[in-house]
C-alpha atoms as a PDB file:
ATOM      1  CA  MET A   1       8.795 -16.197  10.070  1.00  0.00           C
ATOM      2  CA  LEU A   2       6.162 -13.666   8.943  1.00  0.00           C
ATOM      3  CA  ILE A   3       5.325 -12.769  12.548  1.00  0.00           C
ATOM      4  CA  GLU A   4       8.997 -12.208  13.356  1.00  0.00           C
ATOM      5  CA  ARG A   5       9.396 -10.034  10.265  1.00  0.00           C
ATOM      6  CA  SER A   6       6.351  -8.052  11.302  1.00  0.00           C
ATOM      7  CA  ARG A   7       7.814  -7.404  14.726  1.00  0.00           C
ATOM      8  CA  VAL A   8      11.040  -6.122  13.212  1.00  0.00           C
ATOM      9  CA  GLU A   9       9.190  -3.875  10.785  1.00  0.00           C
ATOM     10  CA  PHE A  10       6.810  -2.555  13.425  1.00  0.00           C
ATOM     11  CA  SER A  11       9.323  -0.025  14.732  1.00  0.00           C
ATOM     12  CA  ARG A  12       9.859   1.344  11.233  1.00  0.00           C
ATOM     13  CA  LEU A  13       6.130   1.457  10.552  1.00  0.00           C
ATOM     14  CA  LEU A  14       5.463   3.214  13.837  1.00  0.00           C
ATOM     15  CA  ALA A  15       8.065   5.866  13.056  1.00  0.00           C
ATOM     16  CA  GLU A  16       6.539   6.378   9.607  1.00  0.00           C
ATOM     17  CA  ALA A  17       3.046   6.637  11.100  1.00  0.00           C
ATOM     18  CA  ARG A  18       4.138   9.225  13.647  1.00  0.00           C
ATOM     19  CA  LEU A  19       5.676  11.347  10.900  1.00  0.00           C
ATOM     20  CA  GLU A  20       2.675  10.932   8.603  1.00  0.00           C
ATOM     21  CA  ILE A  21       0.061  11.970  11.151  1.00  0.00           C
ATOM     22  CA  SER A  22       2.185  14.945  12.158  1.00  0.00           C
ATOM     23  CA  GLN A  23       2.173  16.161   8.543  1.00  0.00           C
ATOM     24  CA  LYS A  24      -1.230  15.138   7.144  1.00  0.00           C
ATOM     25  CA  THR A  25      -4.859  15.244   8.105  1.00  0.00           C
ATOM     26  CA  LEU A  26      -6.897  12.072   8.348  1.00  0.00           C
ATOM     27  CA  LYS A  27      -8.754  13.055   5.183  1.00  0.00           C
ATOM     28  CA  GLU A  28      -5.463  13.452   3.301  1.00  0.00           C
ATOM     29  CA  ILE A  29      -4.358  10.036   4.483  1.00  0.00           C
ATOM     30  CA  GLU A  30      -7.686   8.501   3.442  1.00  0.00           C
ATOM     31  CA  LEU A  31      -7.434  10.120   0.009  1.00  0.00           C
ATOM     32  CA  GLU A  32      -3.923   8.796  -0.589  1.00  0.00           C
ATOM     33  CA  THR A  33      -4.945   5.399   0.717  1.00  0.00           C
ATOM     34  CA  ALA A  34      -7.949   5.259  -1.619  1.00  0.00           C
ATOM     35  CA  TRP A  35      -5.775   5.938  -4.668  1.00  0.00           C
ATOM     36  CA  ARG A  36      -3.142   3.438  -3.540  1.00  0.00           C
ATOM     37  CA  TRP A  37      -5.771   0.672  -3.180  1.00  0.00           C
ATOM     38  CA  ALA A  38      -7.254   1.635  -6.559  1.00  0.00           C
ATOM     39  CA  ALA A  39      -3.840   1.286  -8.174  1.00  0.00           C
ATOM     40  CA  ARG A  40      -3.418  -2.125  -6.545  1.00  0.00           C
ATOM     41  CA  ALA A  41      -6.822  -3.172  -7.892  1.00  0.00           C
ATOM     42  CA  VAL A  42      -5.879  -2.180 -11.437  1.00  0.00           C
ATOM     43  CA  ALA A  43      -2.492  -3.901 -11.152  1.00  0.00           C
ATOM     44  CA  ALA A  44      -4.121  -7.098  -9.857  1.00  0.00           C
ATOM     45  CA  TYR A  45      -6.728  -6.950 -12.629  1.00  0.00           C
ATOM     46  CA  GLU A  46      -3.944  -6.633 -15.218  1.00  0.00           C
ATOM     47  CA  LEU A  47      -2.244  -9.718 -13.796  1.00  0.00           C
ATOM     48  CA  TRP A  48      -5.565 -11.578 -13.832  1.00  0.00           C
ATOM     49  CA  ALA A  49      -6.277 -10.515 -17.418  1.00  0.00           C
ATOM     50  CA  GLY A  50      -2.773 -11.693 -18.315  1.00  0.00           C
ATOM     51  CA  GLY A  51      -3.571 -15.199 -17.141  1.00  0.00           C
ATOM     52  CA  ASN A  52      -2.921 -15.241 -13.402  1.00  0.00           C
ATOM     53  CA  ARG A  53      -6.389 -16.394 -12.350  1.00  0.00           C
ATOM     54  CA  GLU A  54      -5.528 -16.229  -8.670  1.00  0.00           C
ATOM     55  CA  MET A  55      -5.379 -12.417  -8.827  1.00  0.00           C
ATOM     56  CA  TYR A  56      -9.089 -11.820  -9.398  1.00  0.00           C
ATOM     57  CA  HIS A  57      -9.952 -12.279  -5.732  1.00  0.00           C
ATOM     58  CA  ASP A  58      -7.171  -9.860  -4.780  1.00  0.00           C
ATOM     59  CA  ALA A  59      -8.401  -7.295  -7.314  1.00  0.00           C
ATOM     60  CA  VAL A  60     -11.913  -7.454  -5.875  1.00  0.00           C
ATOM     61  CA  CYS A  61     -10.580  -7.009  -2.337  1.00  0.00           C
ATOM     62  CA  TYR A  62      -8.394  -4.095  -3.385  1.00  0.00           C
ATOM     63  CA  ILE A  63     -11.199  -2.269  -5.151  1.00  0.00           C
ATOM     64  CA  GLY A  64     -13.401  -2.676  -2.077  1.00  0.00           C
ATOM     65  CA  GLU A  65     -10.682  -1.060   0.023  1.00  0.00           C
ATOM     66  CA  ALA A  66     -10.319   1.747  -2.521  1.00  0.00           C
ATOM     67  CA  TYR A  67     -14.030   2.487  -2.426  1.00  0.00           C
ATOM     68  CA  GLU A  68     -14.144   2.296   1.361  1.00  0.00           C
ATOM     69  CA  HIS A  69     -11.307   4.784   1.817  1.00  0.00           C
ATOM     70  CA  SER A  70     -12.800   6.996  -0.909  1.00  0.00           C
ATOM     71  CA  VAL A  71     -15.932   7.374   1.171  1.00  0.00           C
ATOM     72  CA  PHE A  72     -13.884   8.222   4.261  1.00  0.00           C
ATOM     73  CA  ALA A  73     -11.936  10.861   2.302  1.00  0.00           C
ATOM     74  CA  ASP A  74     -14.987  13.061   1.789  1.00  0.00           C
ATOM     75  CA  GLU A  75     -18.712  13.000   2.429  1.00  0.00           C
ATOM     76  CA  THR A  76     -19.679  14.396  -0.977  1.00  0.00           C
ATOM     77  CA  GLY A  77     -18.839  11.269  -2.946  1.00  0.00           C
ATOM     78  CA  GLU A  78     -16.477  13.250  -5.177  1.00  0.00           C
ATOM     79  CA  THR A  79     -13.483  11.058  -4.338  1.00  0.00           C
ATOM     80  CA  LEU A  80     -15.477   7.872  -4.840  1.00  0.00           C
ATOM     81  CA  ARG A  81     -16.641   9.072  -8.263  1.00  0.00           C
ATOM     82  CA  ALA A  82     -13.090  10.048  -9.238  1.00  0.00           C
ATOM     83  CA  VAL A  83     -11.606   6.733  -8.109  1.00  0.00           C
ATOM     84  CA  ARG A  84     -14.320   4.762  -9.926  1.00  0.00           C
ATOM     85  CA  ALA A  85     -13.810   6.778 -13.114  1.00  0.00           C
ATOM     86  CA  TRP A  86     -10.058   6.210 -13.007  1.00  0.00           C
ATOM     87  CA  VAL A  87     -10.438   2.481 -12.362  1.00  0.00           C
ATOM     88  CA  HIS A  88     -12.901   2.208 -15.248  1.00  0.00           C
ATOM     89  CA  GLN A  89     -10.325   3.722 -17.580  1.00  0.00           C
ATOM     90  CA  HIS A  90      -8.259   0.594 -16.934  1.00  0.00           C
ATOM     91  CA  VAL A  91     -10.817  -2.080 -16.080  1.00  0.00           C
ATOM     92  CA  PRO A  92     -14.064  -2.721 -17.970  1.00  0.00           C
ATOM     93  CA  ILE A  93     -17.160  -1.623 -16.072  1.00  0.00           C
ATOM     94  CA  GLY A  94     -18.717  -4.520 -14.209  1.00  0.00           C
ATOM     95  CA  VAL A  95     -15.529  -6.562 -13.875  1.00  0.00           C
ATOM     96  CA  LEU A  96     -14.554  -5.171 -10.482  1.00  0.00           C
END
């Protein structure tokens, strides 16, 4: 079922990807992706803190993705520092 759904959605995703790369640089895409993963990490942490213990693993995975894409967004570390600072406004330091 999931594989079939993926096949159906692939055409839509491909069209979106073509449009995106025609309008944005790779660095812009990486920056947006970093922030999106960071937001997912915070959302998953909130669910975990609210009692859904299964979400901690997801939160850790999401924050790893956020940090990874932050590094790809720029070589100075500025994006990584900004993403970390934002996450730490919502999640205690050392939790993720």
